[in-house]
Amino acid sequence: MNPKDIVIEYVGEKITVPVADRREVTYEKIGVCDCYLFALDSEYIVDATFYGNKARYINHSCDPNLISEKIVVDGKTHIVFTASRHIEKDEELTFNYSFDYEENKIECFCGA
């Protein structure tokens, strides 16, 4: 895979931020350990928790080989992951989650 190649789109259910906030609480109450919420813009979130694809399993790294980008196709915004550098066959795909607001809550074990 070459730099700037689109690797995969992050897909799921498009919901508003207030709905995402409520779902996050509900998911925790029912024991869903991992929820997959990705901000589309200031109003919408893509929830891939139950209706996503393999993109939701891309792990974090402080030295990632993918970057997330937002592109507009036919007037609709999409989240895609593009290669930030050459990616070797069988190399794990990673991106930086950028959870700055949760630095004290989530410890990073990426080893980068």
C-alpha atoms as a PDB file:
ATOM      1  CA  MET A   1       0.000   0.000   0.000  1.00  0.00           C
ATOM      2  CA  ASN A   2       1.335   3.405  -0.932  1.00  0.00           C
ATOM      3  CA  PRO A   3       1.100   6.744   0.880  1.00  0.00           C
ATOM      4  CA  LYS A   4      -2.264   8.497   0.424  1.00  0.00           C
ATOM      5  CA  ASP A   5      -4.034   5.325  -0.774  1.00  0.00           C
ATOM      6  CA  ILE A   6      -7.511   4.953   0.722  1.00  0.00           C
ATOM      7  CA  VAL A   7      -7.447   1.784   2.818  1.00  0.00           C
ATOM      8  CA  ILE A   8     -11.001   1.582   4.192  1.00  0.00           C
ATOM      9  CA  GLU A   9     -14.033   3.703   5.026  1.00  0.00           C
ATOM     10  CA  TYR A  10     -15.306   3.896   8.601  1.00  0.00           C
ATOM     11  CA  VAL A  11     -18.985   3.001   8.339  1.00  0.00           C
ATOM     12  CA  GLY A  12     -21.830   2.758  10.789  1.00  0.00           C
ATOM     13  CA  GLU A  13     -25.030   4.463  11.812  1.00  0.00           C
ATOM     14  CA  LYS A  14     -25.032   8.274  11.513  1.00  0.00           C
ATOM     15  CA  ILE A  15     -26.459   9.729  14.728  1.00  0.00           C
ATOM     16  CA  THR A  16     -26.499  13.124  16.455  1.00  0.00           C
ATOM     17  CA  VAL A  17     -24.095  13.975  19.275  1.00  0.00           C
ATOM     18  CA  PRO A  18     -26.852  13.889  21.969  1.00  0.00           C
ATOM     19  CA  VAL A  19     -27.924  10.419  20.782  1.00  0.00           C
ATOM     20  CA  ALA A  20     -24.287   9.278  20.891  1.00  0.00           C
ATOM     21  CA  ASP A  21     -23.944  10.570  24.451  1.00  0.00           C
ATOM     22  CA  ARG A  22     -27.025   8.600  25.525  1.00  0.00           C
ATOM     23  CA  ARG A  23     -25.861   5.473  23.720  1.00  0.00           C
ATOM     24  CA  GLU A  24     -22.477   5.594  25.392  1.00  0.00           C
ATOM     25  CA  VAL A  25     -24.206   5.517  28.804  1.00  0.00           C
ATOM     26  CA  THR A  26     -26.557   2.736  27.660  1.00  0.00           C
ATOM     27  CA  TYR A  27     -23.706   0.660  26.244  1.00  0.00           C
ATOM     28  CA  GLU A  28     -21.890   0.891  29.558  1.00  0.00           C
ATOM     29  CA  LYS A  29     -25.029  -0.115  31.501  1.00  0.00           C
ATOM     30  CA  ILE A  30     -25.664  -3.203  29.345  1.00  0.00           C
ATOM     31  CA  GLY A  31     -22.041  -4.297  29.448  1.00  0.00           C
ATOM     32  CA  VAL A  32     -20.884  -3.396  25.954  1.00  0.00           C
ATOM     33  CA  CYS A  33     -17.184  -3.081  26.735  1.00  0.00           C
ATOM     34  CA  ASP A  34     -16.195  -1.313  23.544  1.00  0.00           C
ATOM     35  CA  CYS A  35     -18.285   1.202  21.691  1.00  0.00           C
ATOM     36  CA  TYR A  36     -17.129   2.495  18.344  1.00  0.00           C
ATOM     37  CA  LEU A  37     -18.120   6.153  18.047  1.00  0.00           C
ATOM     38  CA  PHE A  38     -16.272   8.377  15.581  1.00  0.00           C
ATOM     39  CA  ALA A  39     -17.011  12.093  15.189  1.00  0.00           C
ATOM     40  CA  LEU A  40     -18.150  12.949  11.690  1.00  0.00           C
ATOM     41  CA  ASP A  41     -18.473  16.678  12.418  1.00  0.00           C
ATOM     42  CA  SER A  42     -19.698  18.916  15.260  1.00  0.00           C
ATOM     43  CA  GLU A  43     -23.276  17.606  14.922  1.00  0.00           C
ATOM     44  CA  TYR A  44     -22.957  13.952  13.939  1.00  0.00           C
ATOM     45  CA  ILE A  45     -21.219  10.787  15.074  1.00  0.00           C
ATOM     46  CA  VAL A  46     -20.787   7.512  13.213  1.00  0.00           C
ATOM     47  CA  ASP A  47     -21.697   4.651  15.554  1.00  0.00           C
ATOM     48  CA  ALA A  48     -20.102   1.426  14.332  1.00  0.00           C
ATOM     49  CA  THR A  49     -20.732  -0.502  17.554  1.00  0.00           C
ATOM     50  CA  PHE A  50     -23.282  -2.874  16.013  1.00  0.00           C
ATOM     51  CA  TYR A  51     -23.463  -1.793  12.358  1.00  0.00           C
ATOM     52  CA  GLY A  52     -19.854  -1.189  11.399  1.00  0.00           C
ATOM     53  CA  ASN A  53     -17.182  -2.812   9.305  1.00  0.00           C
ATOM     54  CA  LYS A  54     -13.610  -3.914  10.013  1.00  0.00           C
ATOM     55  CA  ALA A  55     -12.437  -0.300  10.230  1.00  0.00           C
ATOM     56  CA  ARG A  56     -13.732  -0.184  13.806  1.00  0.00           C
ATOM     57  CA  TYR A  57     -11.037  -2.669  14.841  1.00  0.00           C
ATOM     58  CA  ILE A  58      -8.080  -0.527  13.755  1.00  0.00           C
ATOM     59  CA  ASN A  59      -5.904  -0.063  16.825  1.00  0.00           C
ATOM     60  CA  HIS A  60      -4.276   3.067  18.212  1.00  0.00           C
ATOM     61  CA  SER A  61      -0.621   3.964  17.795  1.00  0.00           C
ATOM     62  CA  CYS A  62       1.306   7.137  18.563  1.00  0.00           C
ATOM     63  CA  ASP A  63       3.266   6.319  15.378  1.00  0.00           C
ATOM     64  CA  PRO A  64       0.425   5.206  13.063  1.00  0.00           C
ATOM     65  CA  ASN A  65       0.534   4.058   9.450  1.00  0.00           C
ATOM     66  CA  LEU A  66      -2.958   5.444   8.720  1.00  0.00           C
ATOM     67  CA  ILE A  67      -4.604   8.809   9.093  1.00  0.00           C
ATOM     68  CA  SER A  68      -8.312   9.467   9.228  1.00  0.00           C
ATOM     69  CA  GLU A  69      -9.701  11.939   6.752  1.00  0.00           C
ATOM     70  CA  LYS A  70     -13.117  13.294   5.962  1.00  0.00           C
ATOM     71  CA  ILE A  71     -14.077  13.441   2.316  1.00  0.00           C
ATOM     72  CA  VAL A  72     -17.263  14.637   0.659  1.00  0.00           C
ATOM     73  CA  VAL A  73     -18.842  12.477  -2.048  1.00  0.00           C
ATOM     74  CA  ASP A  74     -22.103  13.561  -3.662  1.00  0.00           C
ATOM     75  CA  GLY A  75     -22.644  16.056  -0.847  1.00  0.00           C
ATOM     76  CA  LYS A  76     -22.213  13.483   1.938  1.00  0.00           C
ATOM     77  CA  THR A  77     -19.273  13.410   4.348  1.00  0.00           C
ATOM     78  CA  HIS A  78     -17.427  10.115   4.771  1.00  0.00           C
ATOM     79  CA  ILE A  79     -14.608   9.066   7.110  1.00  0.00           C
ATOM     80  CA  VAL A  80     -11.798   7.214   5.365  1.00  0.00           C
ATOM     81  CA  PHE A  81      -8.436   5.915   6.492  1.00  0.00           C
ATOM     82  CA  THR A  82      -5.540   6.638   4.162  1.00  0.00           C
ATOM     83  CA  ALA A  83      -1.993   5.343   4.304  1.00  0.00           C
ATOM     84  CA  SER A  84       0.384   7.850   5.858  1.00  0.00           C
ATOM     85  CA  ARG A  85       3.393   5.924   4.519  1.00  0.00           C
ATOM     86  CA  HIS A  86       4.171   2.710   2.665  1.00  0.00           C
ATOM     87  CA  ILE A  87       2.497  -0.218   4.455  1.00  0.00           C
ATOM     88  CA  GLU A  88       3.990  -3.680   4.166  1.00  0.00           C
ATOM     89  CA  LYS A  89       1.929  -6.827   3.596  1.00  0.00           C
ATOM     90  CA  ASP A  90       0.633  -8.251   6.925  1.00  0.00           C
ATOM     91  CA  GLU A  91       1.589  -5.083   8.824  1.00  0.00           C
ATOM     92  CA  GLU A  92      -0.944  -4.109  11.505  1.00  0.00           C
ATOM     93  CA  LEU A  93      -3.040  -1.088  10.559  1.00  0.00           C
ATOM     94  CA  THR A  94      -3.068   1.690  13.173  1.00  0.00           C
ATOM     95  CA  PHE A  95      -4.087   5.326  13.586  1.00  0.00           C
ATOM     96  CA  ASN A  96      -3.814   7.913  16.344  1.00  0.00           C
ATOM     97  CA  TYR A  97      -7.105   8.055  18.255  1.00  0.00           C
ATOM     98  CA  SER A  98      -6.198  11.573  19.464  1.00  0.00           C
ATOM     99  CA  PHE A  99      -8.009  11.191  22.785  1.00  0.00           C
ATOM    100  CA  ASP A 100      -6.304  14.268  24.259  1.00  0.00           C
ATOM    101  CA  TYR A 101      -9.247  14.991  26.538  1.00  0.00           C
ATOM    102  CA  GLU A 102      -8.896  11.548  28.121  1.00  0.00           C
ATOM    103  CA  GLU A 103      -5.116  11.484  28.622  1.00  0.00           C
ATOM    104  CA  ASN A 104      -5.449  10.731  32.323  1.00  0.00           C
ATOM    105  CA  LYS A 105      -8.090   8.052  31.736  1.00  0.00           C
ATOM    106  CA  ILE A 106      -6.546   5.928  28.969  1.00  0.00           C
ATOM    107  CA  GLU A 107      -2.969   4.748  29.205  1.00  0.00           C
ATOM    108  CA  CYS A 108      -1.199   4.132  25.894  1.00  0.00           C
ATOM    109  CA  PHE A 109       0.547   0.786  25.420  1.00  0.00           C
ATOM    110  CA  CYS A 110       1.404   1.150  21.714  1.00  0.00           C
ATOM    111  CA  GLY A 111       5.163   1.120  22.355  1.00  0.00           C
ATOM    112  CA  ALA A 112       5.898   3.888  19.828  1.00  0.00           C
END
